[in-house]
Amino acid sequence: MDAEMQNIKKWVIFYPIYINSKKTLAEGRRINASKACENPTCAEIYDCCVHLKLPCAIESEKAYPRDFMQRGRVRVLLKREDGSLCNPAISSKLVPRHPGRTKKQEPASSSSTAVASKSGKGGKKKR
């Protein structure tokens, strides 16, 4: 493990913005918004990597280049130098949902009907 820790510079870098559902693709999100989570943190990503038994390290002083106010990143070792996977059960780069996150109850169904009843003035469009 010590030899792997020396080559930490070669590990995959994972910024929380990559899976933030609140960000657009232009802002740095890399996966589909439906698979992303809302405002993830480095600690949550680190917990998921530990749960998946992947070697990882948090670099809290680093910042995402496009949004330097977003601090922290996680380095993850997915493949060893010989090309074998660190955890053969994990074949993709997707991170599972963090156990500490709970799904929020959304009152969107009641608010969408209220918005639909108030829409429109009923006049002609200007040309």
N, C-alpha and C. Protein backbone atom coordinates (compact mmCIF):
# COMPACT_ATOMS: atom_id res chain seq x y z
N MET A 1 0.82 -1.19 0.00
CA MET A 1 0.00 0.00 0.00
C MET A 1 0.87 1.26 0.00
N ASP A 2 2.07 1.19 0.59
CA ASP A 2 2.94 2.36 0.63
C ASP A 2 3.38 2.78 -0.77
N ALA A 3 3.65 1.81 -1.62
CA ALA A 3 4.05 2.14 -2.99
C ALA A 3 2.91 2.83 -3.73
N GLU A 4 1.67 2.42 -3.46
CA GLU A 4 0.51 3.06 -4.10
C GLU A 4 0.33 4.48 -3.58
N MET A 5 0.60 4.71 -2.31
CA MET A 5 0.44 6.04 -1.73
C MET A 5 1.47 7.02 -2.30
N GLN A 6 2.65 6.52 -2.69
CA GLN A 6 3.66 7.40 -3.27
C GLN A 6 3.23 7.91 -4.64
N ASN A 7 2.45 7.13 -5.36
CA ASN A 7 2.00 7.51 -6.69
C ASN A 7 0.62 8.15 -6.66
N ILE A 8 0.29 8.84 -5.60
CA ILE A 8 -1.03 9.44 -5.45
C ILE A 8 -1.31 10.47 -6.55
N LYS A 9 -0.28 11.05 -7.12
CA LYS A 9 -0.44 12.03 -8.19
C LYS A 9 -1.04 11.40 -9.45
N LYS A 10 -0.95 10.09 -9.59
CA LYS A 10 -1.48 9.40 -10.76
C LYS A 10 -2.92 8.91 -10.56
N TRP A 11 -3.47 9.08 -9.36
CA TRP A 11 -4.82 8.62 -9.08
C TRP A 11 -5.85 9.51 -9.78
N VAL A 12 -7.06 9.02 -9.94
CA VAL A 12 -8.14 9.76 -10.56
C VAL A 12 -8.60 10.87 -9.62
N ILE A 13 -8.77 12.08 -10.16
CA ILE A 13 -9.25 13.21 -9.36
C ILE A 13 -10.76 13.29 -9.52
N PHE A 14 -11.43 13.48 -8.39
CA PHE A 14 -12.89 13.51 -8.38
C PHE A 14 -13.34 14.74 -7.60
N TYR A 15 -13.85 15.74 -8.32
CA TYR A 15 -14.38 16.95 -7.68
C TYR A 15 -15.87 16.74 -7.40
N PRO A 16 -16.39 17.24 -6.29
CA PRO A 16 -17.82 17.10 -5.99
C PRO A 16 -18.72 17.71 -7.05
N ILE A 17 -18.24 18.71 -7.76
CA ILE A 17 -19.05 19.37 -8.78
C ILE A 17 -19.37 18.42 -9.94
N TYR A 18 -18.57 17.37 -10.12
CA TYR A 18 -18.81 16.41 -11.19
C TYR A 18 -20.15 15.71 -11.05
N ILE A 19 -20.64 15.56 -9.82
CA ILE A 19 -21.90 14.85 -9.61
C ILE A 19 -22.95 15.73 -8.94
N ASN A 20 -22.79 17.05 -9.02
CA ASN A 20 -23.73 17.99 -8.41
C ASN A 20 -24.90 18.24 -9.37
N SER A 21 -26.10 17.87 -8.97
CA SER A 21 -27.27 18.01 -9.84
C SER A 21 -27.68 19.47 -10.02
N LYS A 22 -27.20 20.36 -9.17
CA LYS A 22 -27.53 21.79 -9.27
C LYS A 22 -26.69 22.51 -10.33
N LYS A 23 -25.63 21.88 -10.82
CA LYS A 23 -24.74 22.49 -11.79
C LYS A 23 -25.09 22.03 -13.20
N THR A 24 -24.75 22.85 -14.18
CA THR A 24 -24.96 22.48 -15.59
C THR A 24 -23.71 21.80 -16.12
N LEU A 25 -23.82 21.27 -17.33
CA LEU A 25 -22.66 20.66 -17.95
C LEU A 25 -21.56 21.69 -18.18
N ALA A 26 -21.93 22.91 -18.54
CA ALA A 26 -20.95 23.97 -18.76
C ALA A 26 -20.26 24.36 -17.47
N GLU A 27 -20.93 24.22 -16.34
CA GLU A 27 -20.34 24.55 -15.04
C GLU A 27 -19.47 23.43 -14.49
N GLY A 28 -19.53 22.23 -15.09
CA GLY A 28 -18.63 21.16 -14.68
C GLY A 28 -19.26 19.83 -14.35
N ARG A 29 -20.59 19.72 -14.37
CA ARG A 29 -21.21 18.43 -14.08
C ARG A 29 -20.86 17.46 -15.20
N ARG A 30 -20.55 16.22 -14.86
CA ARG A 30 -20.11 15.25 -15.87
C ARG A 30 -21.08 14.10 -16.08
N ILE A 31 -22.08 13.95 -15.23
CA ILE A 31 -23.03 12.85 -15.40
C ILE A 31 -24.43 13.42 -15.56
N ASN A 32 -25.35 12.55 -15.93
CA ASN A 32 -26.74 12.95 -16.11
C ASN A 32 -27.30 13.51 -14.79
N ALA A 33 -28.08 14.57 -14.89
CA ALA A 33 -28.61 15.21 -13.69
C ALA A 33 -29.52 14.28 -12.89
N SER A 34 -30.19 13.35 -13.56
CA SER A 34 -31.06 12.42 -12.83
C SER A 34 -30.26 11.44 -11.98
N LYS A 35 -29.01 11.17 -12.34
CA LYS A 35 -28.16 10.26 -11.57
C LYS A 35 -27.30 11.01 -10.55
N ALA A 36 -27.25 12.33 -10.66
CA ALA A 36 -26.43 13.14 -9.76
C ALA A 36 -27.15 13.39 -8.45
N CYS A 37 -26.43 13.91 -7.47
CA CYS A 37 -27.03 14.25 -6.18
C CYS A 37 -26.86 15.74 -5.93
N GLU A 38 -27.61 16.25 -5.00
CA GLU A 38 -27.64 17.68 -4.74
C GLU A 38 -26.55 18.08 -3.76
N ASN A 39 -25.65 18.94 -4.20
CA ASN A 39 -24.57 19.51 -3.39
C ASN A 39 -23.79 18.46 -2.58
N PRO A 40 -23.08 17.54 -3.26
CA PRO A 40 -22.28 16.57 -2.52
C PRO A 40 -21.05 17.23 -1.91
N THR A 41 -20.49 16.59 -0.91
CA THR A 41 -19.27 17.10 -0.27
C THR A 41 -18.14 16.09 -0.46
N CYS A 42 -16.93 16.55 -0.23
CA CYS A 42 -15.77 15.66 -0.33
C CYS A 42 -15.84 14.54 0.70
N ALA A 43 -16.34 14.87 1.87
CA ALA A 43 -16.44 13.86 2.93
C ALA A 43 -17.40 12.74 2.53
N GLU A 44 -18.50 13.09 1.87
CA GLU A 44 -19.45 12.06 1.43
C GLU A 44 -18.85 11.19 0.34
N ILE A 45 -18.12 11.79 -0.58
CA ILE A 45 -17.46 11.02 -1.64
C ILE A 45 -16.40 10.11 -1.03
N TYR A 46 -15.67 10.63 -0.06
CA TYR A 46 -14.65 9.83 0.63
C TYR A 46 -15.31 8.64 1.34
N ASP A 47 -16.43 8.87 2.03
CA ASP A 47 -17.15 7.79 2.72
C ASP A 47 -17.60 6.71 1.74
N CYS A 48 -18.07 7.13 0.58
CA CYS A 48 -18.51 6.16 -0.43
C CYS A 48 -17.33 5.33 -0.94
N CYS A 49 -16.18 5.97 -1.14
CA CYS A 49 -14.99 5.25 -1.60
C CYS A 49 -14.51 4.26 -0.54
N VAL A 50 -14.56 4.66 0.72
CA VAL A 50 -14.19 3.75 1.80
C VAL A 50 -15.16 2.58 1.86
N HIS A 51 -16.45 2.87 1.69
CA HIS A 51 -17.47 1.81 1.69
C HIS A 51 -17.22 0.82 0.55
N LEU A 52 -16.75 1.33 -0.60
CA LEU A 52 -16.46 0.47 -1.75
C LEU A 52 -15.07 -0.17 -1.68
N LYS A 53 -14.35 0.09 -0.60
CA LYS A 53 -13.01 -0.45 -0.37
C LYS A 53 -12.03 -0.03 -1.47
N LEU A 54 -12.09 1.25 -1.83
CA LEU A 54 -11.16 1.83 -2.80
C LEU A 54 -10.18 2.74 -2.06
N PRO A 55 -8.90 2.67 -2.36
CA PRO A 55 -7.95 3.60 -1.76
C PRO A 55 -8.26 5.03 -2.21
N CYS A 56 -8.33 5.95 -1.27
CA CYS A 56 -8.69 7.33 -1.61
C CYS A 56 -8.06 8.28 -0.61
N ALA A 57 -8.01 9.55 -1.01
CA ALA A 57 -7.45 10.59 -0.16
C ALA A 57 -8.16 11.90 -0.45
N ILE A 58 -8.47 12.66 0.61
CA ILE A 58 -9.10 13.97 0.46
C ILE A 58 -8.01 15.03 0.38
N GLU A 59 -8.16 15.94 -0.57
CA GLU A 59 -7.29 17.10 -0.68
C GLU A 59 -8.17 18.33 -0.49
N SER A 60 -8.31 18.75 0.76
CA SER A 60 -9.26 19.82 1.08
C SER A 60 -8.77 21.21 0.69
N GLU A 61 -7.47 21.38 0.49
CA GLU A 61 -6.96 22.71 0.14
C GLU A 61 -7.07 23.00 -1.35
N LYS A 62 -7.38 22.01 -2.16
CA LYS A 62 -7.48 22.19 -3.61
C LYS A 62 -8.86 22.71 -3.98
N ALA A 63 -8.95 23.38 -5.13
CA ALA A 63 -10.22 23.95 -5.59
C ALA A 63 -10.46 23.57 -7.04
N TYR A 64 -11.73 23.55 -7.41
CA TYR A 64 -12.10 23.28 -8.80
C TYR A 64 -11.73 24.49 -9.65
N PRO A 65 -11.04 24.32 -10.77
CA PRO A 65 -10.56 25.46 -11.54
C PRO A 65 -11.66 26.41 -12.04
N ARG A 66 -12.81 25.90 -12.43
CA ARG A 66 -13.87 26.77 -12.94
C ARG A 66 -14.62 27.49 -11.84
N ASP A 67 -14.62 26.92 -10.64
CA ASP A 67 -15.32 27.52 -9.50
C ASP A 67 -14.40 27.39 -8.29
N PHE A 68 -13.51 28.38 -8.12
CA PHE A 68 -12.49 28.27 -7.09
C PHE A 68 -13.05 28.40 -5.67
N MET A 69 -14.32 28.79 -5.53
CA MET A 69 -14.94 28.85 -4.21
C MET A 69 -15.34 27.45 -3.72
N GLN A 70 -15.47 26.51 -4.64
CA GLN A 70 -15.79 25.11 -4.31
C GLN A 70 -14.49 24.43 -3.91
N ARG A 71 -14.27 24.24 -2.61
CA ARG A 71 -13.02 23.70 -2.10
C ARG A 71 -13.10 22.19 -1.90
N GLY A 72 -11.99 21.54 -2.17
CA GLY A 72 -11.84 20.12 -1.90
C GLY A 72 -12.01 19.23 -3.11
N ARG A 73 -11.27 18.14 -3.08
CA ARG A 73 -11.38 17.10 -4.10
C ARG A 73 -10.94 15.79 -3.49
N VAL A 74 -11.25 14.70 -4.16
CA VAL A 74 -10.89 13.37 -3.67
C VAL A 74 -10.08 12.68 -4.75
N ARG A 75 -8.99 12.08 -4.37
CA ARG A 75 -8.20 11.27 -5.30
C ARG A 75 -8.53 9.81 -5.00
N VAL A 76 -8.80 9.05 -6.07
CA VAL A 76 -9.23 7.66 -5.94
C VAL A 76 -8.37 6.79 -6.83
N LEU A 77 -7.95 5.65 -6.31
CA LEU A 77 -7.21 4.68 -7.10
C LEU A 77 -8.19 3.63 -7.59
N LEU A 78 -8.51 3.67 -8.88
CA LEU A 78 -9.43 2.69 -9.46
C LEU A 78 -8.68 1.49 -10.01
N LYS A 79 -7.51 1.73 -10.64
CA LYS A 79 -6.71 0.66 -11.22
C LYS A 79 -5.28 0.74 -10.71
N ARG A 80 -4.70 -0.42 -10.48
CA ARG A 80 -3.29 -0.48 -10.09
C ARG A 80 -2.42 -0.24 -11.31
N GLU A 81 -1.11 -0.17 -11.11
CA GLU A 81 -0.20 0.10 -12.21
C GLU A 81 -0.19 -1.03 -13.24
N ASP A 82 -0.49 -2.25 -12.81
CA ASP A 82 -0.53 -3.37 -13.76
C ASP A 82 -1.83 -3.43 -14.53
N GLY A 83 -2.78 -2.53 -14.25
CA GLY A 83 -4.04 -2.46 -14.99
C GLY A 83 -5.19 -3.20 -14.33
N SER A 84 -4.94 -3.91 -13.25
CA SER A 84 -6.01 -4.64 -12.57
C SER A 84 -6.82 -3.68 -11.68
N LEU A 85 -8.09 -3.95 -11.53
CA LEU A 85 -8.96 -3.12 -10.70
C LEU A 85 -8.65 -3.31 -9.23
N CYS A 86 -8.71 -2.25 -8.46
CA CYS A 86 -8.49 -2.35 -7.01
C CYS A 86 -9.59 -3.15 -6.35
N ASN A 87 -10.82 -2.93 -6.78
CA ASN A 87 -11.97 -3.68 -6.29
C ASN A 87 -12.67 -4.23 -7.53
N PRO A 88 -12.51 -5.52 -7.84
CA PRO A 88 -13.08 -6.07 -9.07
C PRO A 88 -14.61 -5.97 -9.15
N ALA A 89 -15.26 -5.78 -8.01
CA ALA A 89 -16.72 -5.65 -8.02
C ALA A 89 -17.16 -4.29 -8.57
N ILE A 90 -16.25 -3.31 -8.60
CA ILE A 90 -16.56 -1.97 -9.10
C ILE A 90 -15.93 -1.82 -10.47
N SER A 91 -16.75 -1.75 -11.51
CA SER A 91 -16.21 -1.63 -12.87
C SER A 91 -16.48 -0.26 -13.48
N SER A 92 -17.26 0.60 -12.81
CA SER A 92 -17.53 1.93 -13.35
C SER A 92 -17.10 2.99 -12.35
N LYS A 93 -17.11 4.25 -12.79
CA LYS A 93 -16.68 5.34 -11.93
C LYS A 93 -17.84 5.97 -11.16
N LEU A 94 -19.03 5.42 -11.26
CA LEU A 94 -20.18 6.01 -10.57
C LEU A 94 -20.11 5.76 -9.08
N VAL A 95 -20.48 6.76 -8.31
CA VAL A 95 -20.45 6.67 -6.86
C VAL A 95 -21.86 6.38 -6.37
N PRO A 96 -22.04 5.43 -5.44
CA PRO A 96 -23.38 5.14 -4.94
C PRO A 96 -23.89 6.25 -4.04
N ARG A 97 -25.17 6.23 -3.74
CA ARG A 97 -25.76 7.22 -2.84
C ARG A 97 -25.18 7.06 -1.45
N HIS A 98 -24.89 8.17 -0.82
CA HIS A 98 -24.33 8.17 0.53
C HIS A 98 -25.43 7.76 1.51
N PRO A 99 -25.13 6.87 2.48
CA PRO A 99 -26.16 6.43 3.41
C PRO A 99 -26.72 7.54 4.30
N GLY A 100 -25.99 8.62 4.48
CA GLY A 100 -26.45 9.73 5.32
C GLY A 100 -27.48 10.61 4.64
N ARG A 101 -27.61 10.49 3.33
CA ARG A 101 -28.58 11.32 2.60
C ARG A 101 -29.93 10.63 2.57
N THR A 102 -30.96 11.38 2.85
CA THR A 102 -32.31 10.84 2.77
C THR A 102 -33.07 11.58 1.70
N LYS A 103 -34.00 10.90 1.07
CA LYS A 103 -34.78 11.53 0.00
C LYS A 103 -35.78 12.48 0.63
N LYS A 104 -35.79 13.72 0.14
CA LYS A 104 -36.69 14.73 0.67
C LYS A 104 -38.09 14.54 0.10
N GLN A 105 -39.08 14.79 0.92
CA GLN A 105 -40.46 14.76 0.46
C GLN A 105 -40.74 16.03 -0.30
N GLU A 106 -41.11 15.92 -1.57
CA GLU A 106 -41.30 17.09 -2.40
C GLU A 106 -42.79 17.41 -2.53
N PRO A 107 -43.20 18.61 -2.13
CA PRO A 107 -44.58 19.00 -2.33
C PRO A 107 -44.80 19.60 -3.72
N ALA A 108 -44.06 19.13 -4.71
CA ALA A 108 -44.10 19.70 -6.06
C ALA A 108 -45.44 19.44 -6.74
N SER A 109 -46.11 18.33 -6.43
CA SER A 109 -47.36 18.01 -7.10
C SER A 109 -48.45 19.02 -6.75
N SER A 110 -48.50 19.50 -5.51
CA SER A 110 -49.51 20.47 -5.12
C SER A 110 -49.17 21.86 -5.64
N SER A 111 -47.87 22.22 -5.69
CA SER A 111 -47.50 23.55 -6.16
C SER A 111 -47.62 23.66 -7.67
N SER A 112 -47.46 22.56 -8.41
CA SER A 112 -47.57 22.64 -9.87
C SER A 112 -49.01 22.87 -10.30
N THR A 113 -49.99 22.34 -9.54
CA THR A 113 -51.38 22.59 -9.89
C THR A 113 -51.77 24.02 -9.56
N ALA A 114 -51.19 24.58 -8.51
CA ALA A 114 -51.49 25.96 -8.14
C ALA A 114 -50.93 26.92 -9.18
N VAL A 115 -49.75 26.62 -9.72
CA VAL A 115 -49.15 27.48 -10.74
C VAL A 115 -49.93 27.39 -12.04
N ALA A 116 -50.44 26.22 -12.38
CA ALA A 116 -51.17 26.04 -13.63
C ALA A 116 -52.48 26.83 -13.62
N SER A 117 -53.12 26.98 -12.48
CA SER A 117 -54.40 27.69 -12.42
C SER A 117 -54.21 29.21 -12.50
N LYS A 118 -53.03 29.72 -12.18
CA LYS A 118 -52.77 31.16 -12.19
C LYS A 118 -52.14 31.64 -13.50
N SER A 119 -51.82 30.74 -14.41
CA SER A 119 -51.04 31.13 -15.58
C SER A 119 -51.88 31.85 -16.63
N GLY A 120 -51.26 32.82 -17.32
CA GLY A 120 -51.84 33.50 -18.47
C GLY A 120 -52.74 34.67 -18.12
N LYS A 121 -52.70 35.70 -19.00
CA LYS A 121 -53.58 36.85 -18.84
C LYS A 121 -54.83 36.71 -19.71
N GLY A 122 -54.73 35.93 -20.77
CA GLY A 122 -55.87 35.72 -21.65
C GLY A 122 -56.00 36.77 -22.75
N GLY A 123 -54.96 37.52 -23.02
CA GLY A 123 -55.02 38.57 -24.06
C GLY A 123 -54.31 38.13 -25.32
N LYS A 124 -54.33 39.04 -26.34
CA LYS A 124 -53.64 38.77 -27.57
C LYS A 124 -52.15 39.02 -27.42
N LYS A 125 -51.36 38.29 -28.19
CA LYS A 125 -49.92 38.50 -28.19
C LYS A 125 -49.57 39.68 -29.07
N LYS A 126 -48.57 40.44 -28.68
CA LYS A 126 -48.09 41.57 -29.49
C LYS A 126 -47.17 41.03 -30.57
N ARG A 127 -47.25 41.66 -31.72
CA ARG A 127 -46.38 41.23 -32.82
C ARG A 127 -45.37 42.25 -33.13
